[in-house]
Amino acid sequence: VKGRGIKVLSIDGGGTRGVVPLQVLKLLEAQTGKKVHQLFDY
């Protein structure tokens, strides 16, 4: 794994409401300086 332990990202279904988790991920990338695929193992 990339960090101290396993890092998992899970995203629900919801059609065009997929813009909702996108807002959370934008904040994560901005705060950590890493892309989503770099942050998680799964």
PDB file of all heavy atoms in Angstrom:
ATOM      1  N   VAL A   1       0.833  -1.203   0.000  1.00  0.00           N
ATOM      2  CA  VAL A   1       0.000   0.000   0.000  1.00  0.00           C
ATOM      3  C   VAL A   1       0.868   1.253   0.000  1.00  0.00           C
ATOM      4  O   VAL A   1       2.063   1.204   0.281  1.00  0.00           O
ATOM      5  CB  VAL A   1      -0.955   0.011   1.216  1.00  0.00           C
ATOM      6  CG1 VAL A   1      -1.945  -1.135   1.131  1.00  0.00           C
ATOM      7  CG2 VAL A   1      -0.183  -0.066   2.524  1.00  0.00           C
ATOM      8  N   LYS A   2       0.234   2.395  -0.320  1.00  0.00           N
ATOM      9  CA  LYS A   2       0.985   3.641  -0.506  1.00  0.00           C
ATOM     10  C   LYS A   2       1.347   4.332   0.805  1.00  0.00           C
ATOM     11  O   LYS A   2       2.332   5.052   0.884  1.00  0.00           O
ATOM     12  CB  LYS A   2       0.164   4.598  -1.376  1.00  0.00           C
ATOM     13  CG  LYS A   2      -0.151   4.042  -2.752  1.00  0.00           C
ATOM     14  CD  LYS A   2      -1.138   4.921  -3.499  1.00  0.00           C
ATOM     15  CE  LYS A   2      -1.481   4.325  -4.849  1.00  0.00           C
ATOM     16  NZ  LYS A   2      -2.512   5.095  -5.579  1.00  0.00           N
ATOM     17  N   GLY A   3       0.510   4.153   1.834  1.00  0.00           N
ATOM     18  CA  GLY A   3       0.733   4.861   3.089  1.00  0.00           C
ATOM     19  C   GLY A   3       0.963   3.914   4.248  1.00  0.00           C
ATOM     20  O   GLY A   3       1.493   2.814   4.086  1.00  0.00           O
ATOM     21  N   ARG A   4       0.530   4.338   5.447  1.00  0.00           N
ATOM     22  CA  ARG A   4       0.698   3.499   6.646  1.00  0.00           C
ATOM     23  C   ARG A   4      -0.192   2.267   6.590  1.00  0.00           C
ATOM     24  O   ARG A   4       0.107   1.241   7.180  1.00  0.00           O
ATOM     25  CB  ARG A   4       0.349   4.311   7.895  1.00  0.00           C
ATOM     26  CG  ARG A   4       1.359   5.387   8.249  1.00  0.00           C
ATOM     27  CD  ARG A   4       1.037   6.002   9.601  1.00  0.00           C
ATOM     28  NE  ARG A   4      -0.192   6.785   9.563  1.00  0.00           N
ATOM     29  CZ  ARG A   4      -1.367   6.401  10.050  1.00  0.00           C
ATOM     30  NH1 ARG A   4      -1.486   5.217  10.609  1.00  0.00           N
ATOM     31  NH2 ARG A   4      -2.426   7.197   9.986  1.00  0.00           N
ATOM     32  N   GLY A   5      -1.327   2.391   5.907  1.00  0.00           N
ATOM     33  CA  GLY A   5      -2.278   1.288   5.809  1.00  0.00           C
ATOM     34  C   GLY A   5      -3.084   1.420   4.527  1.00  0.00           C
ATOM     35  O   GLY A   5      -2.768   2.224   3.651  1.00  0.00           O
ATOM     36  N   ILE A   6      -4.158   0.635   4.429  1.00  0.00           N
ATOM     37  CA  ILE A   6      -4.992   0.622   3.221  1.00  0.00           C
ATOM     38  C   ILE A   6      -5.868   1.871   3.189  1.00  0.00           C
ATOM     39  O   ILE A   6      -6.541   2.192   4.173  1.00  0.00           O
ATOM     40  CB  ILE A   6      -5.886  -0.631   3.198  1.00  0.00           C
ATOM     41  CG1 ILE A   6      -5.055  -1.896   3.438  1.00  0.00           C
ATOM     42  CG2 ILE A   6      -6.645  -0.722   1.877  1.00  0.00           C
ATOM     43  CD1 ILE A   6      -5.881  -3.129   3.728  1.00  0.00           C
ATOM     44  N   LYS A   7      -5.881   2.536   2.039  1.00  0.00           N
ATOM     45  CA  LYS A   7      -6.728   3.719   1.862  1.00  0.00           C
ATOM     46  C   LYS A   7      -7.769   3.428   0.786  1.00  0.00           C
ATOM     47  O   LYS A   7      -7.421   3.144  -0.365  1.00  0.00           O
ATOM     48  CB  LYS A   7      -5.881   4.941   1.505  1.00  0.00           C
ATOM     49  CG  LYS A   7      -4.959   5.378   2.647  1.00  0.00           C
ATOM     50  CD  LYS A   7      -4.225   6.668   2.344  1.00  0.00           C
ATOM     51  CE  LYS A   7      -3.098   6.455   1.386  1.00  0.00           C
ATOM     52  NZ  LYS A   7      -2.249   7.670   1.229  1.00  0.00           N
ATOM     53  N   VAL A   8      -9.037   3.500   1.181  1.00  0.00           N
ATOM     54  CA  VAL A   8     -10.157   3.077   0.333  1.00  0.00           C
ATOM     55  C   VAL A   8     -11.063   4.261   0.032  1.00  0.00           C
ATOM     56  O   VAL A   8     -11.373   5.063   0.916  1.00  0.00           O
ATOM     57  CB  VAL A   8     -10.981   1.966   1.022  1.00  0.00           C
ATOM     58  CG1 VAL A   8     -12.208   1.589   0.183  1.00  0.00           C
ATOM     59  CG2 VAL A   8     -10.116   0.741   1.286  1.00  0.00           C
ATOM     60  N   LEU A   9     -11.509   4.354  -1.217  1.00  0.00           N
ATOM     61  CA  LEU A   9     -12.518   5.330  -1.623  1.00  0.00           C
ATOM     62  C   LEU A   9     -13.690   4.579  -2.229  1.00  0.00           C
ATOM     63  O   LEU A   9     -13.522   3.774  -3.145  1.00  0.00           O
ATOM     64  CB  LEU A   9     -11.943   6.313  -2.656  1.00  0.00           C
ATOM     65  CG  LEU A   9     -12.956   7.252  -3.347  1.00  0.00           C
ATOM     66  CD1 LEU A   9     -13.635   8.164  -2.340  1.00  0.00           C
ATOM     67  CD2 LEU A   9     -12.269   8.067  -4.447  1.00  0.00           C
ATOM     68  N   SER A  10     -14.896   4.855  -1.715  1.00  0.00           N
ATOM     69  CA  SER A  10     -16.119   4.236  -2.232  1.00  0.00           C
ATOM     70  C   SER A  10     -17.085   5.342  -2.641  1.00  0.00           C
ATOM     71  O   SER A  10     -17.297   6.305  -1.904  1.00  0.00           O
ATOM     72  CB  SER A  10     -16.748   3.345  -1.153  1.00  0.00           C
ATOM     73  OG  SER A  10     -18.056   2.955  -1.530  1.00  0.00           O
ATOM     74  N   ILE A  11     -17.704   5.205  -3.838  1.00  0.00           N
ATOM     75  CA  ILE A  11     -18.607   6.244  -4.349  1.00  0.00           C
ATOM     76  C   ILE A  11     -19.955   5.621  -4.697  1.00  0.00           C
ATOM     77  O   ILE A  11     -20.035   4.683  -5.496  1.00  0.00           O
ATOM     78  CB  ILE A  11     -18.017   6.949  -5.590  1.00  0.00           C
ATOM     79  CG1 ILE A  11     -16.572   7.400  -5.321  1.00  0.00           C
ATOM     80  CG2 ILE A  11     -18.878   8.147  -5.973  1.00  0.00           C
ATOM     81  CD1 ILE A  11     -15.884   8.001  -6.537  1.00  0.00           C
ATOM     82  N   ASP A  12     -21.021   6.167  -4.100  1.00  0.00           N
ATOM     83  CA  ASP A  12     -22.382   5.680  -4.323  1.00  0.00           C
ATOM     84  C   ASP A  12     -22.860   5.933  -5.745  1.00  0.00           C
ATOM     85  O   ASP A  12     -22.287   6.718  -6.496  1.00  0.00           O
ATOM     86  CB  ASP A  12     -23.367   6.396  -3.388  1.00  0.00           C
ATOM     87  CG  ASP A  12     -23.183   6.031  -1.929  1.00  0.00           C
ATOM     88  OD1 ASP A  12     -22.246   5.274  -1.609  1.00  0.00           O
ATOM     89  OD2 ASP A  12     -23.985   6.513  -1.108  1.00  0.00           O
ATOM     90  N   GLY A  13     -23.997   5.289  -6.087  1.00  0.00           N
ATOM     91  CA  GLY A  13     -24.702   5.586  -7.323  1.00  0.00           C
ATOM     92  C   GLY A  13     -25.596   6.805  -7.140  1.00  0.00           C
ATOM     93  O   GLY A  13     -25.845   7.244  -6.019  1.00  0.00           O
ATOM     94  N   GLY A  14     -26.100   7.351  -8.261  1.00  0.00           N
ATOM     95  CA  GLY A  14     -26.978   8.511  -8.140  1.00  0.00           C
ATOM     96  C   GLY A  14     -27.122   9.330  -9.401  1.00  0.00           C
ATOM     97  O   GLY A  14     -27.517  10.491  -9.341  1.00  0.00           O
ATOM     98  N   GLY A  15     -26.810   8.784 -10.568  1.00  0.00           N
ATOM     99  CA  GLY A  15     -26.999   9.509 -11.819  1.00  0.00           C
ATOM    100  C   GLY A  15     -26.204  10.800 -11.879  1.00  0.00           C
ATOM    101  O   GLY A  15     -25.040  10.849 -11.484  1.00  0.00           O
ATOM    102  N   THR A  16     -26.849  11.880 -12.355  1.00  0.00           N
ATOM    103  CA  THR A  16     -26.134  13.154 -12.491  1.00  0.00           C
ATOM    104  C   THR A  16     -25.816  13.783 -11.142  1.00  0.00           C
ATOM    105  O   THR A  16     -25.097  14.789 -11.084  1.00  0.00           O
ATOM    106  CB  THR A  16     -26.956  14.146 -13.336  1.00  0.00           C
ATOM    107  OG1 THR A  16     -28.293  14.226 -12.844  1.00  0.00           O
ATOM    108  CG2 THR A  16     -26.990  13.713 -14.796  1.00  0.00           C
ATOM    109  N   ARG A  17     -26.309  13.186 -10.053  1.00  0.00           N
ATOM    110  CA  ARG A  17     -25.909  13.664  -8.725  1.00  0.00           C
ATOM    111  C   ARG A  17     -24.455  13.311  -8.428  1.00  0.00           C
ATOM    112  O   ARG A  17     -23.939  13.624  -7.356  1.00  0.00           O
ATOM    113  CB  ARG A  17     -26.829  13.076  -7.637  1.00  0.00           C
ATOM    114  CG  ARG A  17     -28.281  13.516  -7.736  1.00  0.00           C
ATOM    115  CD  ARG A  17     -28.989  13.410  -6.396  1.00  0.00           C
ATOM    116  NE  ARG A  17     -28.810  12.132  -5.762  1.00  0.00           N
ATOM    117  CZ  ARG A  17     -29.637  11.085  -5.880  1.00  0.00           C
ATOM    118  NH1 ARG A  17     -30.728  11.193  -6.641  1.00  0.00           N
ATOM    119  NH2 ARG A  17     -29.401   9.962  -5.260  1.00  0.00           N
ATOM    120  N   GLY A  18     -23.774  12.688  -9.398  1.00  0.00           N
ATOM    121  CA  GLY A  18     -22.346  12.426  -9.257  1.00  0.00           C
ATOM    122  C   GLY A  18     -21.528  13.697  -9.092  1.00  0.00           C
ATOM    123  O   GLY A  18     -20.372  13.635  -8.674  1.00  0.00           O
ATOM    124  N   VAL A  19     -22.132  14.870  -9.398  1.00  0.00           N
ATOM    125  CA  VAL A  19     -21.403  16.132  -9.178  1.00  0.00           C
ATOM    126  C   VAL A  19     -21.188  16.385  -7.683  1.00  0.00           C
ATOM    127  O   VAL A  19     -20.287  17.152  -7.310  1.00  0.00           O
ATOM    128  CB  VAL A  19     -22.155  17.333  -9.798  1.00  0.00           C
ATOM    129  CG1 VAL A  19     -22.247  17.173 -11.306  1.00  0.00           C
ATOM    130  CG2 VAL A  19     -23.537  17.514  -9.192  1.00  0.00           C
ATOM    131  N   VAL A  20     -21.972  15.716  -6.825  1.00  0.00           N
ATOM    132  CA  VAL A  20     -21.840  15.915  -5.372  1.00  0.00           C
ATOM    133  C   VAL A  20     -20.502  15.367  -4.868  1.00  0.00           C
ATOM    134  O   VAL A  20     -19.711  16.107  -4.260  1.00  0.00           O
ATOM    135  CB  VAL A  20     -23.033  15.292  -4.619  1.00  0.00           C
ATOM    136  CG1 VAL A  20     -22.789  15.303  -3.113  1.00  0.00           C
ATOM    137  CG2 VAL A  20     -24.321  16.050  -4.953  1.00  0.00           C
ATOM    138  N   PRO A  21     -20.180  14.076  -5.080  1.00  0.00           N
ATOM    139  CA  PRO A  21     -18.857  13.599  -4.619  1.00  0.00           C
ATOM    140  C   PRO A  21     -17.696  14.312  -5.303  1.00  0.00           C
ATOM    141  O   PRO A  21     -16.606  14.414  -4.724  1.00  0.00           O
ATOM    142  CB  PRO A  21     -18.869  12.097  -4.953  1.00  0.00           C
ATOM    143  CG  PRO A  21     -19.978  11.901  -5.911  1.00  0.00           C
ATOM    144  CD  PRO A  21     -20.987  12.957  -5.605  1.00  0.00           C
ATOM    145  N   LEU A  22     -17.919  14.815  -6.502  1.00  0.00           N
ATOM    146  CA  LEU A  22     -16.853  15.549  -7.183  1.00  0.00           C
ATOM    147  C   LEU A  22     -16.418  16.773  -6.377  1.00  0.00           C
ATOM    148  O   LEU A  22     -15.237  17.112  -6.338  1.00  0.00           O
ATOM    149  CB  LEU A  22     -17.320  15.993  -8.571  1.00  0.00           C
ATOM    150  CG  LEU A  22     -17.154  14.980  -9.711  1.00  0.00           C
ATOM    151  CD1 LEU A  22     -17.772  15.518 -10.995  1.00  0.00           C
ATOM    152  CD2 LEU A  22     -15.683  14.630  -9.928  1.00  0.00           C
ATOM    153  N   GLN A  23     -17.382  17.428  -5.697  1.00  0.00           N
ATOM    154  CA  GLN A  23     -17.039  18.615  -4.904  1.00  0.00           C
ATOM    155  C   GLN A  23     -16.139  18.243  -3.722  1.00  0.00           C
ATOM    156  O   GLN A  23     -15.208  18.968  -3.371  1.00  0.00           O
ATOM    157  CB  GLN A  23     -18.320  19.289  -4.380  1.00  0.00           C
ATOM    158  CG  GLN A  23     -19.320  19.667  -5.453  1.00  0.00           C
ATOM    159  CD  GLN A  23     -18.709  20.501  -6.557  1.00  0.00           C
ATOM    160  OE1 GLN A  23     -18.095  21.542  -6.291  1.00  0.00           O
ATOM    161  NE2 GLN A  23     -18.855  20.058  -7.788  1.00  0.00           N
ATOM    162  N   VAL A  24     -16.424  17.096  -3.112  1.00  0.00           N
ATOM    163  CA  VAL A  24     -15.592  16.629  -1.988  1.00  0.00           C
ATOM    164  C   VAL A  24     -14.181  16.317  -2.482  1.00  0.00           C
ATOM    165  O   VAL A  24     -13.181  16.693  -1.859  1.00  0.00           O
ATOM    166  CB  VAL A  24     -16.214  15.378  -1.325  1.00  0.00           C
ATOM    167  CG1 VAL A  24     -15.398  14.965  -0.101  1.00  0.00           C
ATOM    168  CG2 VAL A  24     -17.664  15.621  -0.942  1.00  0.00           C
ATOM    169  N   LEU A  25     -14.101  15.628  -3.613  1.00  0.00           N
ATOM    170  CA  LEU A  25     -12.794  15.240  -4.147  1.00  0.00           C
ATOM    171  C   LEU A  25     -11.967  16.450  -4.566  1.00  0.00           C
ATOM    172  O   LEU A  25     -10.739  16.443  -4.453  1.00  0.00           O
ATOM    173  CB  LEU A  25     -12.985  14.270  -5.322  1.00  0.00           C
ATOM    174  CG  LEU A  25     -13.611  12.919  -4.946  1.00  0.00           C
ATOM    175  CD1 LEU A  25     -13.907  12.090  -6.195  1.00  0.00           C
ATOM    176  CD2 LEU A  25     -12.696  12.143  -4.005  1.00  0.00           C
ATOM    177  N   LYS A  26     -12.629  17.498  -5.045  1.00  0.00           N
ATOM    178  CA  LYS A  26     -11.907  18.733  -5.396  1.00  0.00           C
ATOM    179  C   LYS A  26     -11.223  19.323  -4.165  1.00  0.00           C
ATOM    180  O   LYS A  26     -10.063  19.758  -4.230  1.00  0.00           O
ATOM    181  CB  LYS A  26     -12.880  19.753  -5.990  1.00  0.00           C
ATOM    182  CG  LYS A  26     -13.256  19.496  -7.436  1.00  0.00           C
ATOM    183  CD  LYS A  26     -14.220  20.559  -7.948  1.00  0.00           C
ATOM    184  CE  LYS A  26     -14.633  20.262  -9.389  1.00  0.00           C
ATOM    185  NZ  LYS A  26     -15.628  21.238  -9.890  1.00  0.00           N
ATOM    186  N   LEU A  27     -11.933  19.323  -3.043  1.00  0.00           N
ATOM    187  CA  LEU A  27     -11.340  19.840  -1.812  1.00  0.00           C
ATOM    188  C   LEU A  27     -10.167  18.981  -1.358  1.00  0.00           C
ATOM    189  O   LEU A  27      -9.143  19.494  -0.906  1.00  0.00           O
ATOM    190  CB  LEU A  27     -12.391  19.907  -0.705  1.00  0.00           C
ATOM    191  CG  LEU A  27     -13.270  21.163  -0.688  1.00  0.00           C
ATOM    192  CD1 LEU A  27     -14.305  21.057   0.430  1.00  0.00           C
ATOM    193  CD2 LEU A  27     -12.421  22.412  -0.481  1.00  0.00           C
ATOM    194  N   LEU A  28     -10.316  17.654  -1.473  1.00  0.00           N
ATOM    195  CA  LEU A  28      -9.242  16.753  -1.068  1.00  0.00           C
ATOM    196  C   LEU A  28      -7.986  16.980  -1.905  1.00  0.00           C
ATOM    197  O   LEU A  28      -6.873  17.030  -1.374  1.00  0.00           O
ATOM    198  CB  LEU A  28      -9.680  15.295  -1.201  1.00  0.00           C
ATOM    199  CG  LEU A  28     -10.675  14.769  -0.174  1.00  0.00           C
ATOM    200  CD1 LEU A  28     -10.885  13.274  -0.369  1.00  0.00           C
ATOM    201  CD2 LEU A  28     -10.195  15.046   1.242  1.00  0.00           C
ATOM    202  N   GLU A  29      -8.156  17.106  -3.214  1.00  0.00           N
ATOM    203  CA  GLU A  29      -6.989  17.341  -4.073  1.00  0.00           C
ATOM    204  C   GLU A  29      -6.334  18.680  -3.738  1.00  0.00           C
ATOM    205  O   GLU A  29      -5.101  18.785  -3.709  1.00  0.00           O
ATOM    206  CB  GLU A  29      -7.409  17.308  -5.544  1.00  0.00           C
ATOM    207  CG  GLU A  29      -7.659  15.908  -6.073  1.00  0.00           C
ATOM    208  CD  GLU A  29      -7.670  15.833  -7.590  1.00  0.00           C
ATOM    209  OE1 GLU A  29      -7.618  16.897  -8.248  1.00  0.00           O
ATOM    210  OE2 GLU A  29      -7.736  14.709  -8.123  1.00  0.00           O
ATOM    211  N   ALA A  30      -7.166  19.697  -3.489  1.00  0.00           N
ATOM    212  CA  ALA A  30      -6.621  21.022  -3.179  1.00  0.00           C
ATOM    213  C   ALA A  30      -5.852  21.016  -1.861  1.00  0.00           C
ATOM    214  O   ALA A  30      -4.788  21.640  -1.740  1.00  0.00           O
ATOM    215  CB  ALA A  30      -7.746  22.050  -3.133  1.00  0.00           C
ATOM    216  N   GLN A  31      -6.368  20.292  -0.862  1.00  0.00           N
ATOM    217  CA  GLN A  31      -5.755  20.287   0.470  1.00  0.00           C
ATOM    218  C   GLN A  31      -4.513  19.399   0.543  1.00  0.00           C
ATOM    219  O   GLN A  31      -3.573  19.703   1.264  1.00  0.00           O
ATOM    220  CB  GLN A  31      -6.779  19.819   1.515  1.00  0.00           C
ATOM    221  CG  GLN A  31      -7.935  20.783   1.732  1.00  0.00           C
ATOM    222  CD  GLN A  31      -7.468  22.117   2.304  1.00  0.00           C
ATOM    223  OE1 GLN A  31      -6.621  22.158   3.182  1.00  0.00           O
ATOM    224  NE2 GLN A  31      -8.020  23.205   1.787  1.00  0.00           N
ATOM    225  N   THR A  32      -4.522  18.295  -0.192  1.00  0.00           N
ATOM    226  CA  THR A  32      -3.402  17.343  -0.090  1.00  0.00           C
ATOM    227  C   THR A  32      -2.345  17.568  -1.167  1.00  0.00           C
ATOM    228  O   THR A  32      -1.211  17.099  -1.028  1.00  0.00           O
ATOM    229  CB  THR A  32      -3.907  15.890  -0.207  1.00  0.00           C
ATOM    230  OG1 THR A  32      -4.521  15.706  -1.498  1.00  0.00           O
ATOM    231  CG2 THR A  32      -4.918  15.580   0.888  1.00  0.00           C
ATOM    232  N   GLY A  33      -2.715  18.252  -2.262  1.00  0.00           N
ATOM    233  CA  GLY A  33      -1.764  18.444  -3.356  1.00  0.00           C
ATOM    234  C   GLY A  33      -1.554  17.195  -4.185  1.00  0.00           C
ATOM    235  O   GLY A  33      -0.618  17.126  -4.987  1.00  0.00           O
ATOM    236  N   LYS A  34      -2.415  16.199  -4.028  1.00  0.00           N
ATOM    237  CA  LYS A  34      -2.304  14.955  -4.788  1.00  0.00           C
ATOM    238  C   LYS A  34      -3.589  14.685  -5.552  1.00  0.00           C
ATOM    239  O   LYS A  34      -4.669  15.100  -5.146  1.00  0.00           O
ATOM    240  CB  LYS A  34      -2.024  13.769  -3.843  1.00  0.00           C
ATOM    241  CG  LYS A  34      -0.658  13.810  -3.185  1.00  0.00           C
ATOM    242  CD  LYS A  34      -0.448  12.562  -2.347  1.00  0.00           C
ATOM    243  CE  LYS A  34       0.946  12.550  -1.722  1.00  0.00           C
ATOM    244  NZ  LYS A  34       1.160  11.334  -0.897  1.00  0.00           N
ATOM    245  N   LYS A  35      -3.460  13.944  -6.668  1.00  0.00           N
ATOM    246  CA  LYS A  35      -4.613  13.530  -7.445  1.00  0.00           C
ATOM    247  C   LYS A  35      -5.304  12.353  -6.755  1.00  0.00           C
ATOM    248  O   LYS A  35      -4.696  11.654  -5.938  1.00  0.00           O
ATOM    249  CB  LYS A  35      -4.191  13.123  -8.860  1.00  0.00           C
ATOM    250  CG  LYS A  35      -3.544  14.250  -9.659  1.00  0.00           C
ATOM    251  CD  LYS A  35      -4.539  15.355  -9.944  1.00  0.00           C
ATOM    252  CE  LYS A  35      -3.940  16.435 -10.819  1.00  0.00           C
ATOM    253  NZ  LYS A  35      -4.893  17.557 -11.042  1.00  0.00           N
ATOM    254  N   VAL A  36      -6.558  12.136  -7.126  1.00  0.00           N
ATOM    255  CA  VAL A  36      -7.343  11.076  -6.491  1.00  0.00           C
ATOM    256  C   VAL A  36      -6.657   9.723  -6.625  1.00  0.00           C
ATOM    257  O   VAL A  36      -6.583   8.948  -5.659  1.00  0.00           O
ATOM    258  CB  VAL A  36      -8.771  11.024  -7.100  1.00  0.00           C
ATOM    259  CG1 VAL A  36      -9.522   9.794  -6.610  1.00  0.00           C
ATOM    260  CG2 VAL A  36      -9.554  12.290  -6.752  1.00  0.00           C
ATOM    261  N   HIS A  37      -6.135   9.411  -7.814  1.00  0.00           N
ATOM    262  CA  HIS A  37      -5.517   8.093  -8.010  1.00  0.00           C
ATOM    263  C   HIS A  37      -4.229   7.938  -7.216  1.00  0.00           C
ATOM    264  O   HIS A  37      -3.761   6.817  -6.993  1.00  0.00           O
ATOM    265  CB  HIS A  37      -5.265   7.824  -9.498  1.00  0.00           C
ATOM    266  CG  HIS A  37      -4.203   8.682 -10.108  1.00  0.00           C
ATOM    267  ND1 HIS A  37      -4.466   9.906 -10.688  1.00  0.00           N
ATOM    268  CD2 HIS A  37      -2.858   8.502 -10.241  1.00  0.00           C
ATOM    269  CE1 HIS A  37      -3.356  10.428 -11.144  1.00  0.00           C
ATOM    270  NE2 HIS A  37      -2.355   9.613 -10.882  1.00  0.00           N
ATOM    271  N   GLN A  38      -3.647   9.060  -6.768  1.00  0.00           N
ATOM    272  CA  GLN A  38      -2.443   8.995  -5.947  1.00  0.00           C
ATOM    273  C   GLN A  38      -2.768   8.846  -4.462  1.00  0.00           C
ATOM    274  O   GLN A  38      -1.929   8.394  -3.677  1.00  0.00           O
ATOM    275  CB  GLN A  38      -1.605  10.254  -6.150  1.00  0.00           C
ATOM    276  CG  GLN A  38      -1.094  10.440  -7.568  1.00  0.00           C
ATOM    277  CD  GLN A  38      -0.462  11.803  -7.786  1.00  0.00           C
ATOM    278  OE1 GLN A  38      -0.959  12.808  -7.284  1.00  0.00           O
ATOM    279  NE2 GLN A  38       0.641  11.848  -8.514  1.00  0.00           N
ATOM    280  N   LEU A  39      -3.978   9.213  -4.076  1.00  0.00           N
ATOM    281  CA  LEU A  39      -4.363   9.223  -2.663  1.00  0.00           C
ATOM    282  C   LEU A  39      -4.811   7.860  -2.153  1.00  0.00           C
ATOM    283  O   LEU A  39      -4.644   7.552  -0.975  1.00  0.00           O
ATOM    284  CB  LEU A  39      -5.492  10.233  -2.435  1.00  0.00           C
ATOM    285  CG  LEU A  39      -5.114  11.714  -2.417  1.00  0.00           C
ATOM    286  CD1 LEU A  39      -6.366  12.578  -2.430  1.00  0.00           C
ATOM    287  CD2 LEU A  39      -4.258  12.022  -1.201  1.00  0.00           C
ATOM    288  N   PHE A  40      -5.399   7.030  -3.049  1.00  0.00           N
ATOM    289  CA  PHE A  40      -6.059   5.815  -2.581  1.00  0.00           C
ATOM    290  C   PHE A  40      -5.435   4.558  -3.177  1.00  0.00           C
ATOM    291  O   PHE A  40      -4.924   4.566  -4.297  1.00  0.00           O
ATOM    292  CB  PHE A  40      -7.552   5.864  -2.927  1.00  0.00           C
ATOM    293  CG  PHE A  40      -8.290   6.988  -2.232  1.00  0.00           C
ATOM    294  CD1 PHE A  40      -8.488   8.196  -2.880  1.00  0.00           C
ATOM    295  CD2 PHE A  40      -8.744   6.836  -0.930  1.00  0.00           C
ATOM    296  CE1 PHE A  40      -9.142   9.240  -2.246  1.00  0.00           C
ATOM    297  CE2 PHE A  40      -9.400   7.876  -0.290  1.00  0.00           C
ATOM    298  CZ  PHE A  40      -9.595   9.074  -0.943  1.00  0.00           C
ATOM    299  N   ASP A  41      -5.508   3.477  -2.392  1.00  0.00           N
ATOM    300  CA  ASP A  41      -5.043   2.169  -2.863  1.00  0.00           C
ATOM    301  C   ASP A  41      -6.155   1.423  -3.590  1.00  0.00           C
ATOM    302  O   ASP A  41      -5.888   0.624  -4.485  1.00  0.00           O
ATOM    303  CB  ASP A  41      -4.584   1.306  -1.676  1.00  0.00           C
ATOM    304  CG  ASP A  41      -3.456   1.953  -0.903  1.00  0.00           C
ATOM    305  OD1 ASP A  41      -2.360   2.089  -1.477  1.00  0.00           O
ATOM    306  OD2 ASP A  41      -3.679   2.353   0.259  1.00  0.00           O
ATOM    307  N   TYR A  42      -7.401   1.682  -3.184  1.00  0.00           N
ATOM    308  CA  TYR A  42      -8.538   0.950  -3.754  1.00  0.00           C
ATOM    309  C   TYR A  42      -9.703   1.924  -3.944  1.00  0.00           C
ATOM    310  O   TYR A  42     -10.074   2.649  -3.012  1.00  0.00           O
ATOM    311  CB  TYR A  42      -8.969  -0.190  -2.820  1.00  0.00           C
ATOM    312  CG  TYR A  42      -9.975  -1.139  -3.420  1.00  0.00           C
ATOM    313  CD1 TYR A  42      -9.573  -2.331  -4.005  1.00  0.00           C
ATOM    314  CD2 TYR A  42     -11.337  -0.841  -3.431  1.00  0.00           C
ATOM    315  CE1 TYR A  42     -10.487  -3.206  -4.569  1.00  0.00           C
ATOM    316  CE2 TYR A  42     -12.257  -1.708  -3.998  1.00  0.00           C
ATOM    317  CZ  TYR A  42     -11.831  -2.891  -4.569  1.00  0.00           C
ATOM    318  OH  TYR A  42     -12.743  -3.750  -5.142  1.00  0.00           O
TER     319      TYR A  42
END
